[in-house]
Every structure is written in structure tokens, then in C-alpha cells.
Amino acid sequence: MCNKKKLLITTICATLTLGCVLVFSGCGKKDKASETATSTEETVESGEAEESEDGTLRSLLSNEPIEDASLVENRPIAIMYENTKAALPHYGLSNAKVVYQATVEGSITRIMALFDDYSGMDKIGCVRSARPYYAYTAAEYNAIYIHFGQSINTEGLLTSFTGHLVEDINFIFDSHYYRDNSRQAPHNAYTSSELIDEAIEAKGYERKQSDDYKEGHFKFAKDENLLEDGEDCVVLTTYYPHDQPWFVYDEDSQTYARYEFGAPHVDQANGEQLTFTNIIYMNVHQELYPGDKGYLNIPIAGASGTGKFFTRGKMVDITWSSGGDGQVTHYYYMDGTEIELNTGKTFVSLIQNEKVDENHFYATYEDYEANK
């Protein structure tokens, strides 16, 4: 009987001991899981690439799927392009995810193109000079701003002088460009992927995107934004008198093809016509800086205005608002909700307030042809 009692006591003790081991072991696993979760949270907060809800890495500029996490983690570059007949053809523009166009002096325009992937490009440009409103826009993306010279009013915004708004690579002081001797200066300055990387390294600029820029510049639709309440718009023209650009919607590709100077706007690097999923018109105030030079100013930082949004063959009226220096501009429907862009490339045109009525919109291509 004693032996049975001893055996029972021994069994109970062993069971209790095993239970304690399992409990403490479980506690250890829980602590380790908590540490892993904390580590993951810290990784996301540190600006690492985040996955979308479907588990796909996506470009912050276009929301398009990407395979290389560094394209999300790295800062974009913003390159100033000349946009005169003498500067054509352009090289590398079809790789840009976001493109801005605005007038400069003499009613000609410049283009600023934003890239998150500029790899493998041997010829980019031609590259021309900066203006303040482009510097402010580049700062909204925390982009590295690449240009060849600048108006005097831009100097205070650039790190190549004494400014701190935007880090820039200025070919006036930087040799990471080359001249195409088959073309006439100043329309012949180009750069490349390799030269840009060398310039960024030489400047010591941080390549990783800042922690407070994890959500990007635009708000993208989770599914598809059909602008069901919008008006049909298959062709839209822009008032710019020099290049006289227009866009034509293609239902098959669901993009707008761009034209200027009476012909398709083509990237000479690959022979592709430029196409965009989204187009935004920002109606803006324009003025001349005082002085003999007469440089143009378009005050964007801290400003607001009206405009239009085009996608999927439709258009709607919108408003826009900028919070100030380097803060992202937001775009809103007329009811005050933020617009949602469709996944793809975006073109933004800055439209002089006094010229708004000189832009024209057509519901069908036949209407456009009849009114040319």
C-alpha cells in the first residue's frame, strides 16, 4: 500500500513539474513573439518598404507593383527638362512616374520628371535650369533635384547655394553630365543613370526616403476610380502657346497619349509615346519677380486653388491646397473628399488662372476633329 502511495505521489509531482516547464516555456515563446512583433513595428517605422494589402510592393509615385524594395525605400529624383522644339527629342521621359509642366519666361514651358527607377538609362535630358516653383514641388516628394543652372530667385532654395529646401545636383558646379556635340548648346546637356548615382554619392546625400514620407504624395484608389459622376473627356488641350500640347484617351489601354508641337510626344530612348493614367490641372497664380530680368514666379507653397482631374475618359472639377514649404499638395473633389488616382503614371499641368478658359475638352474624338 505504501509503495502504491509513493508511486501516486511521484506521478503527481512529475505531472506538476512538466506543467510548470510547459507554462514557463510558453511564456518564453510569448515573450519572443512580442519581441518579434516589436521588431517588425520598428522596421516599418524606420522607413522600410511596406507591402500593400494584397502583399505586393508598390511604387509610392504610381502605385504600380514593383519587385525591388529599394525603389520604395529610396528617395526619387526630379530632373528638369527643356521643352522647346530645339530640345527635342526628349530622352528618358517614359521612365518617369510623375511629370509636371509649367510655363517659364517667354511663354515656353519646362518639364520636371520624377523617377523612382532610373536604372539602365544612358541618356537623360536635355537638362535645363531650375525655377522656384519646381524646387518647391521637388521638395514635396523629398526628391533629389537635378538641373543645369537656375534663376536667381531659386538660389536660396538649393543646397548648392545656401538654401536648405531641396538637395540638388546643379550641373553648373557638378561635372556629372555630358554634351552631345551633334546638337547646339544649350540644348545638348545630358546625364545618365551611372552619372546620377556618382553625383549623389559625391554629394553624400541620403538615399533612403525619410520616415515621414511612407505614404507617398497621392492617394490611390484600392480598386478602380471610374469617375462615374464626371463628364466624358476623350481629348483635352492645354493653352500653352509654344508647344500647344494635347492628350487623347485610349479606351483599350485606359491611358491618355500625349502630343505636342503637332506630333506624338515620344521618348527617343525607346521610341515610346508618353502615356498617362491620370492628368491633373492646377489653376495657379502667376507673377513676375521685380527687377530687370523678369523671371516668372508661381507661388505654390501655402497656396490653394481650383483645377480639374482626368482619368478613365472622364473629368471632374477639383480644388487643391498646399500646407507650405515642402508639404505635400492635396487634391479634393468639390465635396471636400480627397481624390483617388488610378494606379499608373500622372501628369500635372500648372494652368495660369487667366488662361483657364483657353483649355478645351471634348467628349469624343469626332468633336475634337470638328472643332480644330
Protein backbone atom coordinates (compact mmCIF):
# COMPACT_ATOMS: atom_id res chain seq x y z
CA MET A 1 0.00 0.00 0.00
CA CYS A 2 2.83 2.35 0.89
CA ASN A 3 4.51 1.58 -2.42
CA LYS A 4 1.29 2.50 -4.28
CA LYS A 5 1.04 5.80 -2.38
CA LYS A 6 4.66 6.56 -3.16
CA LEU A 7 4.07 5.80 -6.85
CA LEU A 8 0.97 8.06 -6.91
CA ILE A 9 2.83 10.94 -5.23
CA THR A 10 5.74 10.55 -7.61
CA THR A 11 3.39 10.65 -10.64
CA ILE A 12 1.62 13.80 -9.38
CA CYS A 13 4.93 15.57 -8.76
CA ALA A 14 6.19 14.68 -12.23
CA THR A 15 2.99 15.96 -13.80
CA LEU A 16 3.19 19.25 -11.88
CA THR A 17 6.84 19.64 -12.85
CA LEU A 18 6.07 19.05 -16.54
CA GLY A 19 3.19 21.52 -16.36
CA CYS A 20 5.46 24.20 -14.92
CA VAL A 21 8.03 23.56 -17.62
CA LEU A 22 5.39 23.93 -20.34
CA VAL A 23 3.95 27.09 -18.80
CA PHE A 24 7.34 28.77 -18.50
CA SER A 25 8.28 27.54 -21.96
CA GLY A 26 5.07 29.04 -23.33
CA CYS A 27 5.84 32.30 -21.56
CA GLY A 28 9.25 32.34 -23.21
CA LYS A 29 7.69 31.83 -26.64
CA LYS A 30 5.19 34.61 -25.99
CA ASP A 31 7.96 36.99 -24.98
CA LYS A 32 9.91 36.07 -28.11
CA ALA A 33 6.82 36.63 -30.26
CA SER A 34 6.31 40.01 -28.64
CA GLU A 35 9.92 40.91 -29.35
CA THR A 36 9.45 39.86 -32.98
CA ALA A 37 6.29 41.96 -33.30
CA THR A 38 8.06 44.94 -31.76
CA SER A 39 10.98 44.44 -34.11
CA THR A 40 8.61 44.33 -37.08
CA GLU A 41 6.91 47.54 -35.96
CA GLU A 42 10.26 49.23 -35.60
CA THR A 43 11.22 48.08 -39.11
CA VAL A 44 8.09 49.62 -40.61
CA GLU A 45 8.59 52.85 -38.66
CA SER A 46 12.18 53.13 -39.87
CA GLY A 47 11.07 53.65 -43.46
CA GLU A 48 11.47 50.08 -44.74
CA ALA A 49 9.40 49.11 -47.76
CA GLU A 50 5.82 48.30 -46.83
CA GLU A 51 3.57 45.88 -48.62
CA SER A 52 0.09 46.80 -49.82
CA GLU A 53 -2.98 44.95 -48.57
CA ASP A 54 -2.54 42.30 -51.27
CA GLY A 55 1.07 41.73 -50.18
CA THR A 56 2.56 43.47 -53.23
CA LEU A 57 5.29 46.09 -53.04
CA ARG A 58 4.09 49.21 -54.84
CA SER A 59 5.64 52.42 -56.13
CA LEU A 60 4.92 55.46 -53.97
CA LEU A 61 4.77 57.54 -57.15
CA SER A 62 2.40 55.43 -59.26
CA ASN A 63 1.13 52.59 -57.03
CA GLU A 64 2.32 50.15 -59.69
CA PRO A 65 3.67 46.77 -58.49
CA ILE A 66 7.45 46.64 -58.16
CA GLU A 67 9.86 43.84 -57.32
CA ASP A 68 12.77 45.85 -55.94
CA ALA A 69 12.12 47.00 -52.35
CA SER A 70 14.76 49.72 -52.68
CA LEU A 71 12.55 51.55 -55.17
CA VAL A 72 10.09 52.12 -52.34
CA GLU A 73 12.75 52.83 -49.74
CA ASN A 74 14.85 55.22 -51.84
CA ARG A 75 14.16 58.89 -52.47
CA PRO A 76 13.08 59.73 -56.01
CA ILE A 77 14.99 62.04 -58.31
CA ALA A 78 13.43 65.05 -60.05
CA ILE A 79 15.00 66.14 -63.36
CA MET A 80 14.42 69.44 -65.18
CA TYR A 81 13.83 69.03 -68.92
CA GLU A 82 13.87 71.78 -71.51
CA ASN A 83 10.69 71.71 -73.59
CA THR A 84 11.31 73.70 -76.76
CA LYS A 85 11.40 72.47 -80.33
CA ALA A 86 15.20 72.86 -80.27
CA ALA A 87 15.42 70.50 -77.29
CA LEU A 88 13.52 67.64 -78.91
CA PRO A 89 13.61 64.70 -78.89
CA HIS A 90 13.50 64.02 -75.16
CA TYR A 91 15.33 61.08 -73.64
CA GLY A 92 14.15 59.05 -70.65
CA LEU A 93 10.76 60.67 -70.01
CA SER A 94 8.80 57.44 -70.47
CA ASN A 95 10.53 56.06 -67.33
CA ALA A 96 9.16 58.90 -65.18
CA LYS A 97 6.20 58.07 -62.94
CA VAL A 98 5.07 61.69 -62.39
CA VAL A 99 5.59 64.63 -64.76
CA TYR A 100 4.95 68.34 -64.11
CA GLN A 101 4.70 71.06 -66.75
CA ALA A 102 4.54 74.84 -66.28
CA THR A 103 5.44 77.95 -68.17
CA VAL A 104 8.67 79.87 -67.67
CA GLU A 105 9.67 83.17 -69.23
CA GLY A 106 8.60 83.93 -72.79
CA SER A 107 5.62 81.52 -72.59
CA ILE A 108 7.81 78.48 -73.22
CA THR A 109 7.49 75.58 -70.79
CA ARG A 110 9.78 73.37 -68.75
CA ILE A 111 9.05 69.83 -67.61
CA MET A 112 10.07 68.23 -64.35
CA ALA A 113 10.05 64.43 -64.30
CA LEU A 114 10.10 62.30 -61.14
CA PHE A 115 11.67 58.84 -61.21
CA ASP A 116 11.83 56.10 -58.62
CA ASP A 117 13.60 53.82 -61.12
CA TYR A 118 16.11 55.42 -63.48
CA SER A 119 18.39 52.40 -63.81
CA GLY A 120 19.93 51.43 -67.14
CA MET A 121 19.44 54.83 -68.77
CA ASP A 122 22.38 56.02 -70.86
CA LYS A 123 20.88 59.34 -71.94
CA ILE A 124 18.52 61.56 -69.92
CA GLY A 125 17.55 65.07 -70.95
CA CYS A 126 18.28 67.54 -72.24
CA VAL A 127 18.66 69.06 -68.78
CA ARG A 128 17.96 72.76 -68.20
CA SER A 129 17.63 75.31 -65.42
CA ALA A 130 15.55 75.37 -62.25
CA ARG A 131 12.70 77.65 -61.18
CA PRO A 132 11.40 78.18 -57.61
CA TYR A 133 8.01 76.51 -58.14
CA TYR A 134 9.72 73.38 -59.45
CA ALA A 135 12.08 73.36 -56.45
CA TYR A 136 9.09 73.59 -54.10
CA THR A 137 7.40 70.73 -55.95
CA ALA A 138 10.54 68.54 -55.81
CA ALA A 139 10.66 69.19 -52.06
CA GLU A 140 7.12 67.83 -51.71
CA TYR A 141 8.48 64.43 -52.75
CA ASN A 142 11.73 64.82 -50.78
CA ALA A 143 13.34 64.27 -54.17
CA ILE A 144 16.93 64.96 -55.20
CA TYR A 145 16.53 67.81 -57.69
CA ILE A 146 18.73 67.68 -60.82
CA HIS A 147 19.10 70.76 -63.06
CA PHE A 148 21.57 72.83 -65.09
CA GLY A 149 21.62 76.30 -63.57
CA GLN A 150 18.73 78.27 -62.10
CA SER A 151 17.01 81.63 -61.97
CA ILE A 152 18.47 83.92 -59.31
CA ASN A 153 15.26 83.59 -57.28
CA THR A 154 15.80 79.83 -56.98
CA GLU A 155 19.25 80.02 -55.42
CA GLY A 156 18.03 80.46 -51.84
CA LEU A 157 16.15 77.14 -52.05
CA LEU A 158 19.05 74.96 -53.19
CA THR A 159 21.78 73.25 -51.18
CA SER A 160 24.27 74.06 -53.94
CA PHE A 161 23.97 77.65 -52.69
CA THR A 162 22.84 78.45 -49.14
CA GLY A 163 19.30 77.15 -49.25
CA HIS A 164 18.00 74.07 -47.46
CA LEU A 165 14.59 73.42 -49.01
CA VAL A 166 15.77 70.81 -51.51
CA GLU A 167 19.00 68.87 -52.01
CA ASP A 168 20.11 69.35 -55.59
CA ILE A 169 22.66 68.38 -58.21
CA ASN A 170 23.49 71.50 -60.22
CA PHE A 171 25.47 70.93 -63.39
CA ILE A 172 26.79 74.49 -63.20
CA PHE A 173 29.00 73.20 -60.38
CA ASP A 174 28.86 69.45 -60.99
CA SER A 175 30.54 67.56 -63.81
CA HIS A 176 28.24 64.51 -63.85
CA TYR A 177 26.79 65.30 -67.27
CA TYR A 178 27.96 65.29 -70.88
CA ARG A 179 27.39 67.30 -74.04
CA ASP A 180 26.00 65.78 -77.22
CA ASN A 181 28.20 67.56 -79.75
CA SER A 182 25.80 66.75 -82.58
CA ARG A 183 23.41 69.31 -81.05
CA GLN A 184 23.77 73.02 -80.41
CA ALA A 185 24.30 74.35 -76.86
CA PRO A 186 22.49 74.97 -74.57
CA HIS A 187 20.15 72.25 -75.84
CA ASN A 188 22.67 69.44 -75.57
CA ALA A 189 23.34 68.67 -71.88
CA TYR A 190 22.51 65.10 -70.85
CA THR A 191 23.15 62.78 -67.96
CA SER A 192 22.80 59.05 -67.27
CA SER A 193 21.93 56.58 -64.50
CA GLU A 194 25.59 55.98 -63.76
CA LEU A 195 26.47 59.68 -63.63
CA ILE A 196 23.50 60.45 -61.35
CA ASP A 197 24.50 57.72 -58.91
CA GLU A 198 28.06 59.01 -58.89
CA ALA A 199 26.84 62.56 -58.25
CA ILE A 200 24.58 61.50 -55.36
CA GLU A 201 27.45 59.58 -53.79
CA ALA A 202 29.85 62.51 -54.26
CA LYS A 203 27.35 64.86 -52.60
CA GLY A 204 26.82 62.45 -49.72
CA TYR A 205 23.05 62.72 -49.99
CA GLU A 206 20.92 60.24 -48.05
CA ARG A 207 19.38 57.72 -50.46
CA LYS A 208 16.71 56.34 -48.12
CA GLN A 209 13.36 58.08 -48.02
CA SER A 210 12.54 59.89 -44.78
CA ASP A 211 10.35 58.19 -42.17
CA ASP A 212 7.58 60.78 -42.50
CA TYR A 213 7.13 60.08 -46.21
CA LYS A 214 5.94 56.49 -46.03
CA GLU A 215 2.50 57.10 -47.57
CA GLY A 216 3.59 58.93 -50.70
CA HIS A 217 2.30 62.03 -52.45
CA PHE A 218 -1.00 60.90 -53.95
CA LYS A 219 -3.93 58.88 -52.65
CA PHE A 220 -4.63 55.89 -54.91
CA ALA A 221 -7.90 54.02 -55.34
CA LYS A 222 -7.93 50.50 -53.90
CA ASP A 223 -9.92 49.22 -56.86
CA GLU A 224 -10.71 51.45 -59.84
CA ASN A 225 -11.90 55.06 -59.90
CA LEU A 226 -14.27 55.38 -62.86
CA LEU A 227 -15.29 58.97 -62.05
CA GLU A 228 -18.88 57.90 -62.60
CA ASP A 229 -20.17 61.40 -61.81
CA GLY A 230 -17.69 63.01 -64.19
CA GLU A 231 -18.15 64.35 -67.71
CA ASP A 232 -16.86 62.44 -70.72
CA CYS A 233 -13.46 63.73 -71.83
CA VAL A 234 -11.64 61.90 -74.61
CA VAL A 235 -9.47 64.83 -75.76
CA LEU A 236 -8.12 67.71 -73.67
CA THR A 237 -5.95 70.58 -74.82
CA THR A 238 -3.70 72.89 -72.80
CA TYR A 239 -3.34 76.61 -73.51
CA TYR A 240 0.48 76.69 -73.54
CA PRO A 241 1.12 78.73 -76.70
CA HIS A 242 4.56 77.39 -77.58
CA ASP A 243 4.21 73.59 -77.59
CA GLN A 244 0.36 73.53 -77.72
CA PRO A 245 0.03 70.10 -76.04
CA TRP A 246 -2.99 67.83 -76.05
CA PHE A 247 -3.97 64.39 -74.77
CA VAL A 248 -6.12 61.70 -76.38
CA TYR A 249 -7.74 58.92 -74.34
CA ASP A 250 -7.36 55.31 -75.47
CA GLU A 251 -10.02 53.04 -74.02
CA ASP A 252 -8.03 49.84 -74.60
CA SER A 253 -5.01 50.96 -72.56
CA GLN A 254 -7.08 53.27 -70.30
CA THR A 255 -4.41 55.95 -70.69
CA TYR A 256 -4.09 59.38 -72.25
CA ALA A 257 -1.47 59.65 -75.03
CA ARG A 258 0.41 62.96 -75.07
CA TYR A 259 1.08 65.17 -78.09
CA GLU A 260 2.97 68.45 -78.51
CA PHE A 261 4.39 70.57 -81.33
CA GLY A 262 1.83 68.95 -83.64
CA ALA A 263 3.09 65.39 -83.17
CA PRO A 264 3.14 62.49 -80.67
CA HIS A 265 5.41 63.23 -77.69
CA VAL A 266 7.95 60.42 -78.00
CA ASP A 267 10.81 59.28 -75.79
CA GLN A 268 13.70 58.90 -78.22
CA ALA A 269 15.42 56.42 -75.88
CA ASN A 270 12.86 53.71 -76.65
CA GLY A 271 10.56 55.16 -79.32
CA GLU A 272 7.54 55.11 -77.00
CA GLN A 273 4.88 57.81 -76.96
CA LEU A 274 4.27 59.22 -73.47
CA THR A 275 1.04 58.00 -71.87
CA PHE A 276 -0.58 58.79 -68.53
CA THR A 277 -3.36 57.23 -66.47
CA ASN A 278 -4.12 60.40 -64.52
CA ILE A 279 -3.96 64.08 -65.51
CA ILE A 280 -4.34 66.98 -63.08
CA TYR A 281 -4.82 70.63 -64.00
CA MET A 282 -3.82 73.00 -61.18
CA ASN A 283 -5.07 76.54 -61.75
CA VAL A 284 -2.39 78.85 -60.32
CA HIS A 285 -1.48 82.49 -59.89
CA GLN A 286 1.49 83.73 -61.91
CA GLU A 287 3.53 86.90 -61.45
CA LEU A 288 6.91 88.34 -62.36
CA TYR A 289 9.60 88.92 -59.79
CA PRO A 290 10.52 92.61 -59.57
CA GLY A 291 13.69 93.60 -61.41
CA ASP A 292 15.12 93.75 -64.90
CA LYS A 293 15.30 90.00 -65.51
CA GLY A 294 11.55 89.47 -65.30
CA TYR A 295 11.73 85.90 -64.00
CA LEU A 296 8.41 84.16 -63.57
CA ASN A 297 7.08 83.13 -60.16
CA ILE A 298 4.24 80.72 -59.47
CA PRO A 299 3.69 80.80 -55.69
CA ILE A 300 2.57 77.28 -54.74
CA ALA A 301 3.75 76.79 -51.15
CA GLY A 302 0.91 77.67 -48.79
CA ALA A 303 -1.41 78.43 -51.70
CA SER A 304 -4.67 76.85 -52.90
CA GLY A 305 -6.83 76.90 -55.98
CA THR A 306 -9.15 75.06 -58.32
CA GLY A 307 -8.50 72.64 -61.16
CA LYS A 308 -9.60 69.51 -62.96
CA PHE A 309 -8.89 65.79 -62.67
CA PHE A 310 -8.96 63.45 -65.68
CA THR A 311 -8.91 59.65 -65.64
CA ARG A 312 -10.64 56.77 -67.45
CA GLY A 313 -12.00 59.14 -70.10
CA LYS A 314 -13.80 61.33 -67.56
CA MET A 315 -13.17 64.70 -65.90
CA VAL A 316 -14.31 66.44 -62.72
CA ASP A 317 -13.71 69.80 -61.10
CA ILE A 318 -11.38 69.77 -58.09
CA THR A 319 -9.64 72.03 -55.61
CA TRP A 320 -6.04 71.83 -54.39
CA SER A 321 -4.24 73.03 -51.29
CA SER A 322 -0.59 73.22 -50.17
CA GLY A 323 0.32 73.39 -46.49
CA GLY A 324 3.57 75.28 -47.04
CA ASP A 325 7.28 74.77 -47.80
CA GLY A 326 7.94 71.15 -48.72
CA GLN A 327 4.50 69.96 -47.57
CA VAL A 328 2.53 67.71 -49.89
CA THR A 329 -0.15 69.32 -52.05
CA HIS A 330 -3.53 67.61 -51.68
CA TYR A 331 -6.33 67.47 -54.22
CA TYR A 332 -10.06 67.33 -53.41
CA TYR A 333 -13.39 66.76 -55.08
CA MET A 334 -15.80 69.65 -54.77
CA ASP A 335 -17.45 67.96 -51.76
CA GLY A 336 -14.15 68.16 -49.88
CA THR A 337 -13.08 64.49 -50.02
CA GLU A 338 -9.58 63.75 -51.31
CA ILE A 339 -9.40 62.50 -54.87
CA GLU A 340 -8.21 58.96 -55.54
CA LEU A 341 -5.94 58.41 -58.52
CA ASN A 342 -5.92 55.22 -60.54
CA THR A 343 -2.76 53.14 -60.48
CA GLY A 344 -0.39 54.43 -63.14
CA LYS A 345 1.55 57.49 -64.25
CA THR A 346 0.37 61.03 -63.56
CA PHE A 347 0.81 64.29 -65.49
CA VAL A 348 0.28 67.62 -63.70
CA SER A 349 -0.14 70.88 -65.65
CA LEU A 350 0.07 74.25 -63.88
CA ILE A 351 -2.54 76.44 -65.57
CA GLN A 352 -2.42 80.24 -65.32
CA ASN A 353 -5.70 81.45 -63.78
CA GLU A 354 -6.23 83.97 -66.56
CA LYS A 355 -5.89 81.23 -69.19
CA VAL A 356 -8.30 78.64 -67.75
CA ASP A 357 -10.92 79.28 -70.45
CA GLU A 358 -8.34 78.70 -73.18
CA ASN A 359 -8.16 74.97 -72.36
CA HIS A 360 -10.64 72.84 -74.27
CA PHE A 361 -12.27 69.48 -73.55
CA TYR A 362 -14.06 67.14 -75.93
CA ALA A 363 -16.37 64.22 -75.16
CA THR A 364 -15.43 62.41 -78.36
CA TYR A 365 -12.53 62.49 -80.80
CA GLU A 366 -15.01 63.47 -83.52
CA ASP A 367 -15.93 66.58 -81.53
CA TYR A 368 -12.24 67.46 -81.30
CA GLU A 369 -11.70 66.99 -85.04
CA ALA A 370 -14.73 69.11 -85.84
CA ASN A 371 -13.52 71.99 -83.67
CA LYS A 372 -9.80 72.07 -84.51
